[in-house]
Amino acid sequence: MREKFLFLFCAYFLFGMTNLSAQTSQKYYYVVIGVFPKLDDAVKLTDEANLKGFSAQYAVQLTKKEYYVYLLQTSEQKKAKSFLDQIRKETEYKKAWLYKGKLGDDQ
């Protein structure tokens, strides 16, 4: 009985660790409309995009110490590409692009 409990405990612990490492290594796709070295510039573009009806956000890319302004964050590449195409066709953000990785608190 003790061996069965020990086996189940180890299996649960190992499964939990595998699941946790999968979550921490997950990459995201961001539809980016601007990158700035100064926070004030990122805030300004975020506010402008939000006034136009978007749910824009900004986050810092820690390695480069730059602020990325984005309109979408998703783990689904197909969804990100579709949204990017739509943004380029239907808005003034013709130079929007995809960033794959992690930004801000997600890093």
C-alpha atoms as a PDB file:
ATOM      1  CA  MET A   1       0.000   0.000   0.000  1.00  0.00           C
ATOM      2  CA  ARG A   2       2.822   2.373   0.862  1.00  0.00           C
ATOM      3  CA  GLU A   3       4.524   1.720  -2.497  1.00  0.00           C
ATOM      4  CA  LYS A   4       1.289   2.473  -4.343  1.00  0.00           C
ATOM      5  CA  PHE A   5       0.915   5.770  -2.472  1.00  0.00           C
ATOM      6  CA  LEU A   6       4.548   6.653  -3.153  1.00  0.00           C
ATOM      7  CA  PHE A   7       4.122   5.819  -6.837  1.00  0.00           C
ATOM      8  CA  LEU A   8       0.963   7.934  -7.133  1.00  0.00           C
ATOM      9  CA  PHE A   9       2.596  10.814  -5.264  1.00  0.00           C
ATOM     10  CA  CYS A  10       5.647  10.720  -7.547  1.00  0.00           C
ATOM     11  CA  ALA A  11       3.495  10.456 -10.669  1.00  0.00           C
ATOM     12  CA  TYR A  12       1.367  13.415  -9.554  1.00  0.00           C
ATOM     13  CA  PHE A  13       4.453  15.461  -8.706  1.00  0.00           C
ATOM     14  CA  LEU A  14       6.181  14.675 -12.015  1.00  0.00           C
ATOM     15  CA  PHE A  15       3.025  15.353 -14.047  1.00  0.00           C
ATOM     16  CA  GLY A  16       2.557  18.651 -12.247  1.00  0.00           C
ATOM     17  CA  MET A  17       6.145  19.699 -12.965  1.00  0.00           C
ATOM     18  CA  THR A  18       5.810  18.763 -16.645  1.00  0.00           C
ATOM     19  CA  ASN A  19       2.584  20.725 -16.920  1.00  0.00           C
ATOM     20  CA  LEU A  20       4.151  23.717 -15.166  1.00  0.00           C
ATOM     21  CA  SER A  21       7.178  23.767 -17.467  1.00  0.00           C
ATOM     22  CA  ALA A  22       4.877  23.606 -20.486  1.00  0.00           C
ATOM     23  CA  GLN A  23       2.996  26.642 -19.207  1.00  0.00           C
ATOM     24  CA  THR A  24       6.117  28.689 -18.526  1.00  0.00           C
ATOM     25  CA  SER A  25       7.609  27.943 -21.935  1.00  0.00           C
ATOM     26  CA  GLN A  26       4.455  28.901 -23.851  1.00  0.00           C
ATOM     27  CA  LYS A  27       5.022  31.575 -26.471  1.00  0.00           C
ATOM     28  CA  TYR A  28       2.499  34.159 -27.501  1.00  0.00           C
ATOM     29  CA  TYR A  29       1.805  36.040 -30.694  1.00  0.00           C
ATOM     30  CA  TYR A  30       1.344  39.790 -30.429  1.00  0.00           C
ATOM     31  CA  VAL A  31      -0.015  42.046 -33.171  1.00  0.00           C
ATOM     32  CA  VAL A  32       2.311  44.999 -32.644  1.00  0.00           C
ATOM     33  CA  ILE A  33       1.634  48.532 -33.896  1.00  0.00           C
ATOM     34  CA  GLY A  34       4.605  50.318 -32.349  1.00  0.00           C
ATOM     35  CA  VAL A  35       7.849  49.919 -30.423  1.00  0.00           C
ATOM     36  CA  PHE A  36       9.364  52.704 -28.338  1.00  0.00           C
ATOM     37  CA  PRO A  37      12.351  53.248 -26.068  1.00  0.00           C
ATOM     38  CA  LYS A  38      10.304  55.643 -23.904  1.00  0.00           C
ATOM     39  CA  LEU A  39       7.251  54.703 -21.856  1.00  0.00           C
ATOM     40  CA  ASP A  40       5.516  58.027 -22.594  1.00  0.00           C
ATOM     41  CA  ASP A  41       5.486  57.284 -26.335  1.00  0.00           C
ATOM     42  CA  ALA A  42       4.028  53.817 -25.768  1.00  0.00           C
ATOM     43  CA  VAL A  43       1.311  55.238 -23.519  1.00  0.00           C
ATOM     44  CA  LYS A  44       0.443  57.884 -26.121  1.00  0.00           C
ATOM     45  CA  LEU A  45       0.023  55.341 -28.953  1.00  0.00           C
ATOM     46  CA  THR A  46      -1.919  52.993 -26.665  1.00  0.00           C
ATOM     47  CA  ASP A  47      -4.315  55.788 -25.739  1.00  0.00           C
ATOM     48  CA  GLU A  48      -4.749  56.810 -29.397  1.00  0.00           C
ATOM     49  CA  ALA A  49      -5.526  53.248 -30.458  1.00  0.00           C
ATOM     50  CA  ASN A  50      -8.000  52.821 -27.605  1.00  0.00           C
ATOM     51  CA  LEU A  51      -9.810  56.013 -28.635  1.00  0.00           C
ATOM     52  CA  LYS A  52     -10.264  54.370 -32.046  1.00  0.00           C
ATOM     53  CA  GLY A  53     -12.031  51.408 -30.436  1.00  0.00           C
ATOM     54  CA  PHE A  54      -9.168  48.973 -29.921  1.00  0.00           C
ATOM     55  CA  SER A  55      -8.125  47.261 -26.720  1.00  0.00           C
ATOM     56  CA  ALA A  56      -4.497  48.268 -27.100  1.00  0.00           C
ATOM     57  CA  GLN A  57      -1.955  47.521 -24.416  1.00  0.00           C
ATOM     58  CA  TYR A  58       1.754  47.991 -23.981  1.00  0.00           C
ATOM     59  CA  ALA A  59       4.421  45.868 -22.346  1.00  0.00           C
ATOM     60  CA  VAL A  60       8.166  46.031 -21.999  1.00  0.00           C
ATOM     61  CA  GLN A  61      10.469  43.653 -23.837  1.00  0.00           C
ATOM     62  CA  LEU A  62      13.041  43.242 -21.080  1.00  0.00           C
ATOM     63  CA  THR A  63      15.998  42.160 -23.209  1.00  0.00           C
ATOM     64  CA  LYS A  64      15.805  45.175 -25.501  1.00  0.00           C
ATOM     65  CA  LYS A  65      14.274  47.498 -22.882  1.00  0.00           C
ATOM     66  CA  GLU A  66      11.669  48.687 -25.369  1.00  0.00           C
ATOM     67  CA  TYR A  67       7.922  49.154 -24.999  1.00  0.00           C
ATOM     68  CA  TYR A  68       5.748  47.226 -27.442  1.00  0.00           C
ATOM     69  CA  VAL A  69       2.240  48.499 -28.164  1.00  0.00           C
ATOM     70  CA  TYR A  70      -0.031  45.677 -29.301  1.00  0.00           C
ATOM     71  CA  LEU A  71      -3.642  45.119 -30.244  1.00  0.00           C
ATOM     72  CA  LEU A  72      -3.831  41.351 -29.696  1.00  0.00           C
ATOM     73  CA  GLN A  73      -2.089  38.721 -27.599  1.00  0.00           C
ATOM     74  CA  THR A  74      -2.871  35.081 -28.337  1.00  0.00           C
ATOM     75  CA  SER A  75      -1.248  31.660 -28.247  1.00  0.00           C
ATOM     76  CA  GLU A  76      -2.889  30.818 -31.585  1.00  0.00           C
ATOM     77  CA  GLN A  77      -0.709  31.659 -34.591  1.00  0.00           C
ATOM     78  CA  LYS A  78      -3.573  31.373 -37.086  1.00  0.00           C
ATOM     79  CA  LYS A  79      -5.728  33.806 -35.096  1.00  0.00           C
ATOM     80  CA  ALA A  80      -2.844  36.289 -34.835  1.00  0.00           C
ATOM     81  CA  LYS A  81      -2.112  36.175 -38.581  1.00  0.00           C
ATOM     82  CA  SER A  82      -5.765  36.599 -39.466  1.00  0.00           C
ATOM     83  CA  PHE A  83      -6.111  39.589 -37.145  1.00  0.00           C
ATOM     84  CA  LEU A  84      -2.879  41.081 -38.508  1.00  0.00           C
ATOM     85  CA  ASP A  85      -4.162  40.823 -42.082  1.00  0.00           C
ATOM     86  CA  GLN A  86      -7.414  42.509 -41.076  1.00  0.00           C
ATOM     87  CA  ILE A  87      -5.607  45.318 -39.231  1.00  0.00           C
ATOM     88  CA  ARG A  88      -3.333  45.998 -42.202  1.00  0.00           C
ATOM     89  CA  LYS A  89      -6.244  46.076 -44.654  1.00  0.00           C
ATOM     90  CA  GLU A  90      -8.817  48.011 -42.633  1.00  0.00           C
ATOM     91  CA  THR A  91      -6.876  50.448 -40.445  1.00  0.00           C
ATOM     92  CA  GLU A  92      -4.099  52.995 -40.560  1.00  0.00           C
ATOM     93  CA  TYR A  93      -1.733  50.465 -38.955  1.00  0.00           C
ATOM     94  CA  LYS A  94      -0.367  49.205 -42.285  1.00  0.00           C
ATOM     95  CA  LYS A  95       3.034  48.402 -40.786  1.00  0.00           C
ATOM     96  CA  ALA A  96       1.669  46.245 -37.949  1.00  0.00           C
ATOM     97  CA  TRP A  97       3.639  43.049 -37.438  1.00  0.00           C
ATOM     98  CA  LEU A  98       3.737  39.864 -35.373  1.00  0.00           C
ATOM     99  CA  TYR A  99       6.004  39.425 -32.394  1.00  0.00           C
ATOM    100  CA  LYS A 100       6.389  35.864 -31.158  1.00  0.00           C
ATOM    101  CA  GLY A 101       7.618  35.473 -27.619  1.00  0.00           C
ATOM    102  CA  LYS A 102       6.753  36.868 -24.227  1.00  0.00           C
ATOM    103  CA  LEU A 103       6.408  40.451 -23.093  1.00  0.00           C
ATOM    104  CA  GLY A 104       6.062  42.163 -19.740  1.00  0.00           C
ATOM    105  CA  ASP A 105       4.801  39.991 -16.911  1.00  0.00           C
ATOM    106  CA  ASP A 106       4.690  37.002 -19.267  1.00  0.00           C
ATOM    107  CA  GLN A 107       8.494  36.870 -19.515  1.00  0.00           C
END
